[in-house]
Amino acid sequence: SYWNKTGLSYLTYTAAQEYSLSNIVAKLALATSSDGVNWTRYGILFPSIKWSKSGAILFRNQFPPVMIWGDSNQVAGLQLATSTNGLNWTTSTSVYFPVRPDSFDSYLVE
């Protein structure tokens, strides 16, 4: 995502930490860039959440940024997070887009 307010591109990515072959944890992380080549990493967005991945940031004029994120293998749908600066995020504990039974997205949404 690109935010004209800051002139930066924002990249959410999944950082994986392997504790053992059978214990891998995914965490949603953030980086920004002004040129698309050199990136500044800000680390894990939700450190207190055991598993987080797949985030899409929406920058809208005259509204704070919003992120839709999640993995329906962990929670039954996608969650919503908000930010005032695009770097620090607060997530809702409720599901914003629930998985729909018997639909194309009923197996996995992320």
PDB file of N, CA and C in Angstrom:
ATOM      1  N   SER A   1       0.834  -1.184   0.000  1.00  0.00           N
ATOM      2  CA  SER A   1       0.000   0.000   0.000  1.00  0.00           C
ATOM      3  C   SER A   1       0.876   1.243   0.000  1.00  0.00           C
ATOM      4  N   TYR A   2       0.418   2.286  -0.634  1.00  0.00           N
ATOM      5  CA  TYR A   2       1.123   3.558  -0.666  1.00  0.00           C
ATOM      6  C   TYR A   2       0.263   4.614   0.014  1.00  0.00           C
ATOM      7  N   TRP A   3       0.892   5.402   0.881  1.00  0.00           N
ATOM      8  CA  TRP A   3       0.180   6.463   1.591  1.00  0.00           C
ATOM      9  C   TRP A   3       0.784   7.793   1.186  1.00  0.00           C
ATOM     10  N   ASN A   4       0.025   8.607   0.444  1.00  0.00           N
ATOM     11  CA  ASN A   4       0.557   9.880  -0.037  1.00  0.00           C
ATOM     12  C   ASN A   4       0.851  10.857   1.103  1.00  0.00           C
ATOM     13  N   LYS A   5       0.250  10.663   2.256  1.00  0.00           N
ATOM     14  CA  LYS A   5       0.502  11.531   3.415  1.00  0.00           C
ATOM     15  C   LYS A   5       1.955  11.430   3.870  1.00  0.00           C
ATOM     16  N   THR A   6       2.532  10.223   3.791  1.00  0.00           N
ATOM     17  CA  THR A   6       3.911  10.010   4.238  1.00  0.00           C
ATOM     18  C   THR A   6       4.886   9.838   3.076  1.00  0.00           C
ATOM     19  N   GLY A   7       4.373   9.551   1.875  1.00  0.00           N
ATOM     20  CA  GLY A   7       5.248   9.287   0.734  1.00  0.00           C
ATOM     21  C   GLY A   7       5.937   7.944   0.816  1.00  0.00           C
ATOM     22  N   LEU A   8       5.381   7.041   1.615  1.00  0.00           N
ATOM     23  CA  LEU A   8       6.001   5.728   1.814  1.00  0.00           C
ATOM     24  C   LEU A   8       5.112   4.606   1.292  1.00  0.00           C
ATOM     25  N   SER A   9       5.752   3.542   0.865  1.00  0.00           N
ATOM     26  CA  SER A   9       5.050   2.292   0.572  1.00  0.00           C
ATOM     27  C   SER A   9       5.106   1.433   1.822  1.00  0.00           C
ATOM     28  N   TYR A  10       4.012   0.762   2.122  1.00  0.00           N
ATOM     29  CA  TYR A  10       3.899  -0.080   3.313  1.00  0.00           C
ATOM     30  C   TYR A  10       3.738  -1.525   2.868  1.00  0.00           C
ATOM     31  N   LEU A  11       4.538  -2.417   3.445  1.00  0.00           N
ATOM     32  CA  LEU A  11       4.509  -3.824   3.107  1.00  0.00           C
ATOM     33  C   LEU A  11       4.250  -4.632   4.372  1.00  0.00           C
ATOM     34  N   THR A  12       3.164  -5.394   4.374  1.00  0.00           N
ATOM     35  CA  THR A  12       2.952  -6.346   5.468  1.00  0.00           C
ATOM     36  C   THR A  12       3.463  -7.692   4.971  1.00  0.00           C
ATOM     37  N   TYR A  13       4.106  -8.426   5.870  1.00  0.00           N
ATOM     38  CA  TYR A  13       4.652  -9.727   5.509  1.00  0.00           C
ATOM     39  C   TYR A  13       4.572 -10.659   6.706  1.00  0.00           C
ATOM     40  N   THR A  14       4.652 -11.932   6.434  1.00  0.00           N
ATOM     41  CA  THR A  14       4.614 -12.930   7.497  1.00  0.00           C
ATOM     42  C   THR A  14       6.036 -13.294   7.882  1.00  0.00           C
ATOM     43  N   ALA A  15       6.370 -13.056   9.134  1.00  0.00           N
ATOM     44  CA  ALA A  15       7.656 -13.469   9.684  1.00  0.00           C
ATOM     45  C   ALA A  15       7.425 -14.781  10.420  1.00  0.00           C
ATOM     46  N   ALA A  16       8.182 -15.795  10.071  1.00  0.00           N
ATOM     47  CA  ALA A  16       8.002 -17.107  10.701  1.00  0.00           C
ATOM     48  C   ALA A  16       9.165 -17.386  11.635  1.00  0.00           C
ATOM     49  N   GLN A  17       8.824 -17.913  12.795  1.00  0.00           N
ATOM     50  CA  GLN A  17       9.846 -18.313  13.754  1.00  0.00           C
ATOM     51  C   GLN A  17       9.692 -19.798  14.009  1.00  0.00           C
ATOM     52  N   GLU A  18      10.778 -20.527  13.821  1.00  0.00           N
ATOM     53  CA  GLU A  18      10.760 -21.972  14.019  1.00  0.00           C
ATOM     54  C   GLU A  18      11.384 -22.298  15.368  1.00  0.00           C
ATOM     55  N   TYR A  19      10.579 -22.872  16.244  1.00  0.00           N
ATOM     56  CA  TYR A  19      11.073 -23.307  17.543  1.00  0.00           C
ATOM     57  C   TYR A  19      11.576 -24.737  17.464  1.00  0.00           C
ATOM     58  N   SER A  20      10.939 -25.528  16.632  1.00  0.00           N
ATOM     59  CA  SER A  20      11.339 -26.901  16.333  1.00  0.00           C
ATOM     60  C   SER A  20      10.666 -27.272  15.020  1.00  0.00           C
ATOM     61  N   LEU A  21      10.954 -28.443  14.489  1.00  0.00           N
ATOM     62  CA  LEU A  21      10.365 -28.841  13.213  1.00  0.00           C
ATOM     63  C   LEU A  21       8.844 -28.872  13.253  1.00  0.00           C
ATOM     64  N   SER A  22       8.284 -29.137  14.403  1.00  0.00           N
ATOM     65  CA  SER A  22       6.822 -29.217  14.505  1.00  0.00           C
ATOM     66  C   SER A  22       6.201 -27.987  15.170  1.00  0.00           C
ATOM     67  N   ASN A  23       6.997 -26.973  15.444  1.00  0.00           N
ATOM     68  CA  ASN A  23       6.489 -25.796  16.137  1.00  0.00           C
ATOM     69  C   ASN A  23       6.978 -24.525  15.434  1.00  0.00           C
ATOM     70  N   ILE A  24       6.216 -24.083  14.442  1.00  0.00           N
ATOM     71  CA  ILE A  24       6.525 -22.865  13.706  1.00  0.00           C
ATOM     72  C   ILE A  24       5.411 -21.859  13.979  1.00  0.00           C
ATOM     73  N   VAL A  25       5.786 -20.624  14.281  1.00  0.00           N
ATOM     74  CA  VAL A  25       4.818 -19.577  14.588  1.00  0.00           C
ATOM     75  C   VAL A  25       4.933 -18.476  13.539  1.00  0.00           C
ATOM     76  N   ALA A  26       3.785 -18.050  12.997  1.00  0.00           N
ATOM     77  CA  ALA A  26       3.744 -16.957  12.022  1.00  0.00           C
ATOM     78  C   ALA A  26       3.308 -15.679  12.721  1.00  0.00           C
ATOM     79  N   LYS A  27       3.979 -14.587  12.391  1.00  0.00           N
ATOM     80  CA  LYS A  27       3.658 -13.277  12.965  1.00  0.00           C
ATOM     81  C   LYS A  27       3.620 -12.243  11.852  1.00  0.00           C
ATOM     82  N   LEU A  28       2.590 -11.403  11.860  1.00  0.00           N
ATOM     83  CA  LEU A  28       2.452 -10.338  10.876  1.00  0.00           C
ATOM     84  C   LEU A  28       3.411  -9.205  11.214  1.00  0.00           C
ATOM     85  N   ALA A  29       4.192  -8.779  10.222  1.00  0.00           N
ATOM     86  CA  ALA A  29       5.196  -7.739  10.428  1.00  0.00           C
ATOM     87  C   ALA A  29       5.017  -6.634   9.377  1.00  0.00           C
ATOM     88  N   LEU A  30       5.728  -5.523   9.580  1.00  0.00           N
ATOM     89  CA  LEU A  30       5.573  -4.348   8.720  1.00  0.00           C
ATOM     90  C   LEU A  30       6.929  -3.779   8.329  1.00  0.00           C
ATOM     91  N   ALA A  31       7.020  -3.314   7.075  1.00  0.00           N
ATOM     92  CA  ALA A  31       8.191  -2.578   6.594  1.00  0.00           C
ATOM     93  C   ALA A  31       7.697  -1.422   5.727  1.00  0.00           C
ATOM     94  N   THR A  32       8.508  -0.360   5.637  1.00  0.00           N
ATOM     95  CA  THR A  32       8.180   0.775   4.769  1.00  0.00           C
ATOM     96  C   THR A  32       9.369   1.098   3.872  1.00  0.00           C
ATOM     97  N   SER A  33       9.067   1.763   2.750  1.00  0.00           N
ATOM     98  CA  SER A  33      10.122   2.157   1.817  1.00  0.00           C
ATOM     99  C   SER A  33       9.703   3.421   1.083  1.00  0.00           C
ATOM    100  N   SER A  34      10.670   4.274   0.805  1.00  0.00           N
ATOM    101  CA  SER A  34      10.396   5.463   0.005  1.00  0.00           C
ATOM    102  C   SER A  34      10.754   5.244  -1.464  1.00  0.00           C
ATOM    103  N   ASP A  35      11.507   4.170  -1.757  1.00  0.00           N
ATOM    104  CA  ASP A  35      11.933   3.935  -3.132  1.00  0.00           C
ATOM    105  C   ASP A  35      11.614   2.534  -3.659  1.00  0.00           C
ATOM    106  N   GLY A  36      11.061   1.668  -2.822  1.00  0.00           N
ATOM    107  CA  GLY A  36      10.733   0.314  -3.248  1.00  0.00           C
ATOM    108  C   GLY A  36      11.918  -0.629  -3.294  1.00  0.00           C
ATOM    109  N   VAL A  37      13.111  -0.131  -2.976  1.00  0.00           N
ATOM    110  CA  VAL A  37      14.321  -0.956  -2.984  1.00  0.00           C
ATOM    111  C   VAL A  37      14.846  -1.135  -1.558  1.00  0.00           C
ATOM    112  N   ASN A  38      14.960  -0.051  -0.836  1.00  0.00           N
ATOM    113  CA  ASN A  38      15.464  -0.074   0.534  1.00  0.00           C
ATOM    114  C   ASN A  38      14.281  -0.007   1.493  1.00  0.00           C
ATOM    115  N   TRP A  39      14.235  -0.958   2.425  1.00  0.00           N
ATOM    116  CA  TRP A  39      13.090  -1.092   3.328  1.00  0.00           C
ATOM    117  C   TRP A  39      13.521  -0.945   4.782  1.00  0.00           C
ATOM    118  N   THR A  40      12.680  -0.292   5.561  1.00  0.00           N
ATOM    119  CA  THR A  40      12.869  -0.198   7.008  1.00  0.00           C
ATOM    120  C   THR A  40      11.871  -1.142   7.656  1.00  0.00           C
ATOM    121  N   ARG A  41      12.377  -2.085   8.436  1.00  0.00           N
ATOM    122  CA  ARG A  41      11.503  -3.050   9.108  1.00  0.00           C
ATOM    123  C   ARG A  41      11.107  -2.529  10.486  1.00  0.00           C
ATOM    124  N   TYR A  42       9.815  -2.694  10.812  1.00  0.00           N
ATOM    125  CA  TYR A  42       9.302  -2.258  12.110  1.00  0.00           C
ATOM    126  C   TYR A  42       8.973  -3.432  13.009  1.00  0.00           C
ATOM    127  N   GLY A  43       9.107  -4.624  12.501  1.00  0.00           N
ATOM    128  CA  GLY A  43       8.911  -5.814  13.327  1.00  0.00           C
ATOM    129  C   GLY A  43       7.468  -6.265  13.400  1.00  0.00           C
ATOM    130  N   ILE A  44       7.212  -7.056  14.417  1.00  0.00           N
ATOM    131  CA  ILE A  44       5.924  -7.712  14.618  1.00  0.00           C
ATOM    132  C   ILE A  44       4.856  -6.682  14.999  1.00  0.00           C
ATOM    133  N   LEU A  45       3.695  -6.757  14.353  1.00  0.00           N
ATOM    134  CA  LEU A  45       2.629  -5.795  14.620  1.00  0.00           C
ATOM    135  C   LEU A  45       1.809  -6.123  15.864  1.00  0.00           C
ATOM    136  N   PHE A  46       1.577  -7.402  16.110  1.00  0.00           N
ATOM    137  CA  PHE A  46       0.744  -7.818  17.247  1.00  0.00           C
ATOM    138  C   PHE A  46       1.512  -8.848  18.077  1.00  0.00           C
ATOM    139  N   PRO A  47       2.505  -8.421  18.848  1.00  0.00           N
ATOM    140  CA  PRO A  47       3.360  -9.376  19.567  1.00  0.00           C
ATOM    141  C   PRO A  47       2.625 -10.241  20.585  1.00  0.00           C
ATOM    142  N   SER A  48       1.514  -9.763  21.120  1.00  0.00           N
ATOM    143  CA  SER A  48       0.807 -10.556  22.137  1.00  0.00           C
ATOM    144  C   SER A  48      -0.124 -11.606  21.530  1.00  0.00           C
ATOM    145  N   ILE A  49      -0.302 -11.573  20.213  1.00  0.00           N
ATOM    146  CA  ILE A  49      -1.155 -12.562  19.546  1.00  0.00           C
ATOM    147  C   ILE A  49      -0.275 -13.705  19.069  1.00  0.00           C
ATOM    148  N   LYS A  50      -0.664 -14.930  19.418  1.00  0.00           N
ATOM    149  CA  LYS A  50       0.183 -16.098  19.158  1.00  0.00           C
ATOM    150  C   LYS A  50       0.444 -16.315  17.673  1.00  0.00           C
ATOM    151  N   TRP A  51      -0.549 -16.124  16.810  1.00  0.00           N
ATOM    152  CA  TRP A  51      -0.421 -16.389  15.382  1.00  0.00           C
ATOM    153  C   TRP A  51      -1.108 -15.259  14.620  1.00  0.00           C
ATOM    154  N   SER A  52      -0.382 -14.582  13.740  1.00  0.00           N
ATOM    155  CA  SER A  52      -0.989 -13.509  12.950  1.00  0.00           C
ATOM    156  C   SER A  52      -0.312 -13.470  11.589  1.00  0.00           C
ATOM    157  N   LYS A  53      -1.107 -13.284  10.544  1.00  0.00           N
ATOM    158  CA  LYS A  53      -0.533 -13.184   9.202  1.00  0.00           C
ATOM    159  C   LYS A  53      -1.527 -12.554   8.239  1.00  0.00           C
ATOM    160  N   SER A  54      -1.056 -12.277   7.036  1.00  0.00           N
ATOM    161  CA  SER A  54      -1.871 -11.778   5.922  1.00  0.00           C
ATOM    162  C   SER A  54      -2.609 -10.483   6.243  1.00  0.00           C
ATOM    163  N   GLY A  55      -1.922  -9.373   6.104  1.00  0.00           N
ATOM    164  CA  GLY A  55      -2.539  -8.078   6.355  1.00  0.00           C
ATOM    165  C   GLY A  55      -2.598  -7.219   5.108  1.00  0.00           C
ATOM    166  N   ALA A  56      -3.709  -6.533   4.911  1.00  0.00           N
ATOM    167  CA  ALA A  56      -3.879  -5.578   3.813  1.00  0.00           C
ATOM    168  C   ALA A  56      -4.246  -4.232   4.414  1.00  0.00           C
ATOM    169  N   ILE A  57      -3.440  -3.209   4.124  1.00  0.00           N
ATOM    170  CA  ILE A  57      -3.665  -1.881   4.684  1.00  0.00           C
ATOM    171  C   ILE A  57      -4.419  -1.021   3.677  1.00  0.00           C
ATOM    172  N   LEU A  58      -5.433  -0.336   4.163  1.00  0.00           N
ATOM    173  CA  LEU A  58      -6.217   0.589   3.349  1.00  0.00           C
ATOM    174  C   LEU A  58      -5.968   2.005   3.853  1.00  0.00           C
ATOM    175  N   PHE A  59      -5.386   2.841   2.999  1.00  0.00           N
ATOM    176  CA  PHE A  59      -5.186   4.248   3.327  1.00  0.00           C
ATOM    177  C   PHE A  59      -6.260   5.040   2.607  1.00  0.00           C
ATOM    178  N   ARG A  60      -7.025   5.813   3.376  1.00  0.00           N
ATOM    179  CA  ARG A  60      -8.137   6.581   2.815  1.00  0.00           C
ATOM    180  C   ARG A  60      -7.970   8.044   3.181  1.00  0.00           C
ATOM    181  N   ASN A  61      -8.283   8.922   2.257  1.00  0.00           N
ATOM    182  CA  ASN A  61      -8.179  10.350   2.544  1.00  0.00           C
ATOM    183  C   ASN A  61      -9.106  10.735   3.687  1.00  0.00           C
ATOM    184  N   GLN A  62      -8.573  11.507   4.619  1.00  0.00           N
ATOM    185  CA  GLN A  62      -9.316  12.076   5.740  1.00  0.00           C
ATOM    186  C   GLN A  62      -9.885  11.038   6.703  1.00  0.00           C
ATOM    187  N   PHE A  63      -9.368   9.824   6.663  1.00  0.00           N
ATOM    188  CA  PHE A  63      -9.741   8.781   7.624  1.00  0.00           C
ATOM    189  C   PHE A  63      -8.464   8.094   8.082  1.00  0.00           C
ATOM    190  N   PRO A  64      -8.446   7.563   9.286  1.00  0.00           N
ATOM    191  CA  PRO A  64      -7.244   6.839   9.723  1.00  0.00           C
ATOM    192  C   PRO A  64      -7.080   5.534   8.934  1.00  0.00           C
ATOM    193  N   PRO A  65      -5.837   5.042   8.819  1.00  0.00           N
ATOM    194  CA  PRO A  65      -5.599   3.784   8.124  1.00  0.00           C
ATOM    195  C   PRO A  65      -6.308   2.613   8.802  1.00  0.00           C
ATOM    196  N   VAL A  66      -6.697   1.641   7.989  1.00  0.00           N
ATOM    197  CA  VAL A  66      -7.361   0.432   8.465  1.00  0.00           C
ATOM    198  C   VAL A  66      -6.638  -0.770   7.866  1.00  0.00           C
ATOM    199  N   MET A  67      -6.498  -1.815   8.652  1.00  0.00           N
ATOM    200  CA  MET A  67      -5.899  -3.046   8.157  1.00  0.00           C
ATOM    201  C   MET A  67      -6.873  -4.203   8.345  1.00  0.00           C
ATOM    202  N   ILE A  68      -7.054  -4.977   7.295  1.00  0.00           N
ATOM    203  CA  ILE A  68      -7.808  -6.226   7.382  1.00  0.00           C
ATOM    204  C   ILE A  68      -6.763  -7.327   7.413  1.00  0.00           C
ATOM    205  N   TRP A  69      -6.831  -8.184   8.413  1.00  0.00           N
ATOM    206  CA  TRP A  69      -5.779  -9.175   8.575  1.00  0.00           C
ATOM    207  C   TRP A  69      -6.346 -10.460   9.163  1.00  0.00           C
ATOM    208  N   GLY A  70      -5.576 -11.527   9.056  1.00  0.00           N
ATOM    209  CA  GLY A  70      -5.945 -12.762   9.726  1.00  0.00           C
ATOM    210  C   GLY A  70      -5.705 -14.012   8.922  1.00  0.00           C
ATOM    211  N   ASP A  71      -6.067 -15.104   9.527  1.00  0.00           N
ATOM    212  CA  ASP A  71      -5.927 -16.445   8.970  1.00  0.00           C
ATOM    213  C   ASP A  71      -7.054 -17.268   9.560  1.00  0.00           C
ATOM    214  N   SER A  72      -7.986 -17.693   8.715  1.00  0.00           N
ATOM    215  CA  SER A  72      -9.169 -18.385   9.238  1.00  0.00           C
ATOM    216  C   SER A  72      -8.873 -19.769   9.794  1.00  0.00           C
ATOM    217  N   ASN A  73      -7.633 -20.237   9.684  1.00  0.00           N
ATOM    218  CA  ASN A  73      -7.257 -21.462  10.401  1.00  0.00           C
ATOM    219  C   ASN A  73      -7.152 -21.199  11.900  1.00  0.00           C
ATOM    220  N   GLN A  74      -6.986 -19.937  12.283  1.00  0.00           N
ATOM    221  CA  GLN A  74      -6.821 -19.570  13.689  1.00  0.00           C
ATOM    222  C   GLN A  74      -8.087 -18.956  14.282  1.00  0.00           C
ATOM    223  N   VAL A  75      -8.748 -18.088  13.524  1.00  0.00           N
ATOM    224  CA  VAL A  75      -9.971 -17.406  13.930  1.00  0.00           C
ATOM    225  C   VAL A  75     -10.935 -17.538  12.762  1.00  0.00           C
ATOM    226  N   ALA A  76     -12.205 -17.650  13.018  1.00  0.00           N
ATOM    227  CA  ALA A  76     -13.194 -17.936  11.963  1.00  0.00           C
ATOM    228  C   ALA A  76     -13.503 -16.728  11.083  1.00  0.00           C
ATOM    229  N   GLY A  77     -12.462 -16.114  10.538  1.00  0.00           N
ATOM    230  CA  GLY A  77     -12.650 -14.980   9.650  1.00  0.00           C
ATOM    231  C   GLY A  77     -11.511 -13.995   9.756  1.00  0.00           C
ATOM    232  N   LEU A  78     -11.679 -12.819   9.174  1.00  0.00           N
ATOM    233  CA  LEU A  78     -10.650 -11.787   9.183  1.00  0.00           C
ATOM    234  C   LEU A  78     -10.977 -10.718  10.213  1.00  0.00           C
ATOM    235  N   GLN A  79      -9.922 -10.125  10.773  1.00  0.00           N
ATOM    236  CA  GLN A  79     -10.085  -9.121  11.806  1.00  0.00           C
ATOM    237  C   GLN A  79      -9.715  -7.740  11.274  1.00  0.00           C
ATOM    238  N   LEU A  80     -10.016  -6.718  12.047  1.00  0.00           N
ATOM    239  CA  LEU A  80      -9.787  -5.337  11.660  1.00  0.00           C
ATOM    240  C   LEU A  80      -8.859  -4.673  12.672  1.00  0.00           C
ATOM    241  N   ALA A  81      -7.895  -3.898  12.165  1.00  0.00           N
ATOM    242  CA  ALA A  81      -7.003  -3.129  13.039  1.00  0.00           C
ATOM    243  C   ALA A  81      -6.989  -1.691  12.549  1.00  0.00           C
ATOM    244  N   THR A  82      -6.744  -0.756  13.460  1.00  0.00           N
ATOM    245  CA  THR A  82      -6.685   0.667  13.115  1.00  0.00           C
ATOM    246  C   THR A  82      -5.365   1.266  13.590  1.00  0.00           C
ATOM    247  N   SER A  83      -5.003   2.390  12.982  1.00  0.00           N
ATOM    248  CA  SER A  83      -3.759   3.069  13.318  1.00  0.00           C
ATOM    249  C   SER A  83      -3.933   4.559  13.101  1.00  0.00           C
ATOM    250  N   THR A  84      -3.175   5.354  13.829  1.00  0.00           N
ATOM    251  CA  THR A  84      -3.173   6.796  13.586  1.00  0.00           C
ATOM    252  C   THR A  84      -1.977   7.206  12.737  1.00  0.00           C
ATOM    253  N   ASN A  85      -0.931   6.361  12.702  1.00  0.00           N
ATOM    254  CA  ASN A  85       0.289   6.744  11.993  1.00  0.00           C
ATOM    255  C   ASN A  85       0.770   5.717  10.957  1.00  0.00           C
ATOM    256  N   GLY A  86       0.060   4.591  10.803  1.00  0.00           N
ATOM    257  CA  GLY A  86       0.458   3.568   9.843  1.00  0.00           C
ATOM    258  C   GLY A  86       1.541   2.635  10.334  1.00  0.00           C
ATOM    259  N   LEU A  87       2.071   2.885  11.531  1.00  0.00           N
ATOM    260  CA  LEU A  87       3.139   2.046  12.077  1.00  0.00           C
ATOM    261  C   LEU A  87       2.701   1.252  13.300  1.00  0.00           C
ATOM    262  N   ASN A  88       1.930   1.866  14.160  1.00  0.00           N
ATOM    263  CA  ASN A  88       1.440   1.217  15.383  1.00  0.00           C
ATOM    264  C   ASN A  88      -0.032   0.883  15.198  1.00  0.00           C
ATOM    265  N   TRP A  89      -0.389  -0.374  15.440  1.00  0.00           N
ATOM    266  CA  TRP A  89      -1.734  -0.851  15.129  1.00  0.00           C
ATOM    267  C   TRP A  89      -2.422  -1.413  16.359  1.00  0.00           C
ATOM    268  N   THR A  90      -3.727  -1.161  16.441  1.00  0.00           N
ATOM    269  CA  THR A  90      -4.581  -1.714  17.486  1.00  0.00           C
ATOM    270  C   THR A  90      -5.612  -2.591  16.811  1.00  0.00           C
ATOM    271  N   THR A  91      -5.694  -3.842  17.240  1.00  0.00           N
ATOM    272  CA  THR A  91      -6.609  -4.770  16.595  1.00  0.00           C
ATOM    273  C   THR A  91      -7.854  -5.013  17.426  1.00  0.00           C
ATOM    274  N   SER A  92      -8.914  -5.297  16.737  1.00  0.00           N
ATOM    275  CA  SER A  92     -10.166  -5.675  17.388  1.00  0.00           C
ATOM    276  C   SER A  92     -10.106  -7.164  17.699  1.00  0.00           C
ATOM    277  N   THR A  93     -10.746  -7.570  18.761  1.00  0.00           N
ATOM    278  CA  THR A  93     -10.777  -8.997  19.098  1.00  0.00           C
ATOM    279  C   THR A  93     -11.916  -9.719  18.394  1.00  0.00           C
ATOM    280  N   SER A  94     -12.805  -8.969  17.767  1.00  0.00           N
ATOM    281  CA  SER A  94     -13.931  -9.601  17.078  1.00  0.00           C
ATOM    282  C   SER A  94     -13.592  -9.849  15.609  1.00  0.00           C
ATOM    283  N   VAL A  95     -14.354 -10.721  14.988  1.00  0.00           N
ATOM    284  CA  VAL A  95     -14.173 -11.048  13.570  1.00  0.00           C
ATOM    285  C   VAL A  95     -14.955 -10.042  12.737  1.00  0.00           C
ATOM    286  N   TYR A  96     -14.283  -9.433  11.768  1.00  0.00           N
ATOM    287  CA  TYR A  96     -14.914  -8.424  10.924  1.00  0.00           C
ATOM    288  C   TYR A  96     -15.543  -9.044   9.675  1.00  0.00           C
ATOM    289  N   PHE A  97     -14.821  -9.972   9.043  1.00  0.00           N
ATOM    290  CA  PHE A  97     -15.336 -10.715   7.894  1.00  0.00           C
ATOM    291  C   PHE A  97     -15.371 -12.188   8.268  1.00  0.00           C
ATOM    292  N   PRO A  98     -16.513 -12.707   8.693  1.00  0.00           N
ATOM    293  CA  PRO A  98     -16.573 -14.120   9.088  1.00  0.00           C
ATOM    294  C   PRO A  98     -16.512 -15.049   7.880  1.00  0.00           C
ATOM    295  N   VAL A  99     -15.992 -16.247   8.115  1.00  0.00           N
ATOM    296  CA  VAL A  99     -15.994 -17.290   7.093  1.00  0.00           C
ATOM    297  C   VAL A  99     -17.440 -17.677   6.825  1.00  0.00           C
ATOM    298  N   ARG A 100     -17.771 -17.876   5.556  1.00  0.00           N
ATOM    299  CA  ARG A 100     -19.137 -18.230   5.171  1.00  0.00           C
ATOM    300  C   ARG A 100     -19.201 -19.723   4.840  1.00  0.00           C
ATOM    301  N   PRO A 101     -20.058 -20.466   5.513  1.00  0.00           N
ATOM    302  CA  PRO A 101     -20.173 -21.893   5.213  1.00  0.00           C
ATOM    303  C   PRO A 101     -20.630 -22.129   3.774  1.00  0.00           C
ATOM    304  N   ASP A 102     -20.108 -23.175   3.180  1.00  0.00           N
ATOM    305  CA  ASP A 102     -20.499 -23.589   1.825  1.00  0.00           C
ATOM    306  C   ASP A 102     -20.282 -22.517   0.768  1.00  0.00           C
ATOM    307  N   SER A 103     -19.248 -21.688   0.921  1.00  0.00           N
ATOM    308  CA  SER A 103     -18.905 -20.670  -0.070  1.00  0.00           C
ATOM    309  C   SER A 103     -17.461 -20.899  -0.523  1.00  0.00           C
ATOM    310  N   PHE A 104     -17.052 -20.156  -1.544  1.00  0.00           N
ATOM    311  CA  PHE A 104     -15.695 -20.306  -2.053  1.00  0.00           C
ATOM    312  C   PHE A 104     -14.639 -20.012  -0.979  1.00  0.00           C
ATOM    313  N   ASP A 105     -14.994 -19.210  -0.003  1.00  0.00           N
ATOM    314  CA  ASP A 105     -14.047 -18.847   1.049  1.00  0.00           C
ATOM    315  C   ASP A 105     -14.292 -19.584   2.359  1.00  0.00           C
ATOM    316  N   SER A 106     -14.966 -20.715   2.295  1.00  0.00           N
ATOM    317  CA  SER A 106     -15.308 -21.420   3.543  1.00  0.00           C
ATOM    318  C   SER A 106     -14.146 -22.253   4.086  1.00  0.00           C
ATOM    319  N   TYR A 107     -13.143 -22.541   3.274  1.00  0.00           N
ATOM    320  CA  TYR A 107     -12.048 -23.384   3.747  1.00  0.00           C
ATOM    321  C   TYR A 107     -10.945 -22.568   4.416  1.00  0.00           C
ATOM    322  N   LEU A 108     -10.398 -21.584   3.678  1.00  0.00           N
ATOM    323  CA  LEU A 108      -9.306 -20.791   4.223  1.00  0.00           C
ATOM    324  C   LEU A 108      -9.406 -19.369   3.683  1.00  0.00           C
ATOM    325  N   VAL A 109      -9.363 -18.415   4.586  1.00  0.00           N
ATOM    326  CA  VAL A 109      -9.330 -17.000   4.218  1.00  0.00           C
ATOM    327  C   VAL A 109      -8.118 -16.397   4.890  1.00  0.00           C
ATOM    328  N   GLU A 110      -7.289 -15.701   4.097  1.00  0.00           N
ATOM    329  CA  GLU A 110      -6.163 -14.951   4.645  1.00  0.00           C
ATOM    330  C   GLU A 110      -5.764 -13.866   3.689  1.00  0.00           C
TER     331      GLU A 110
END
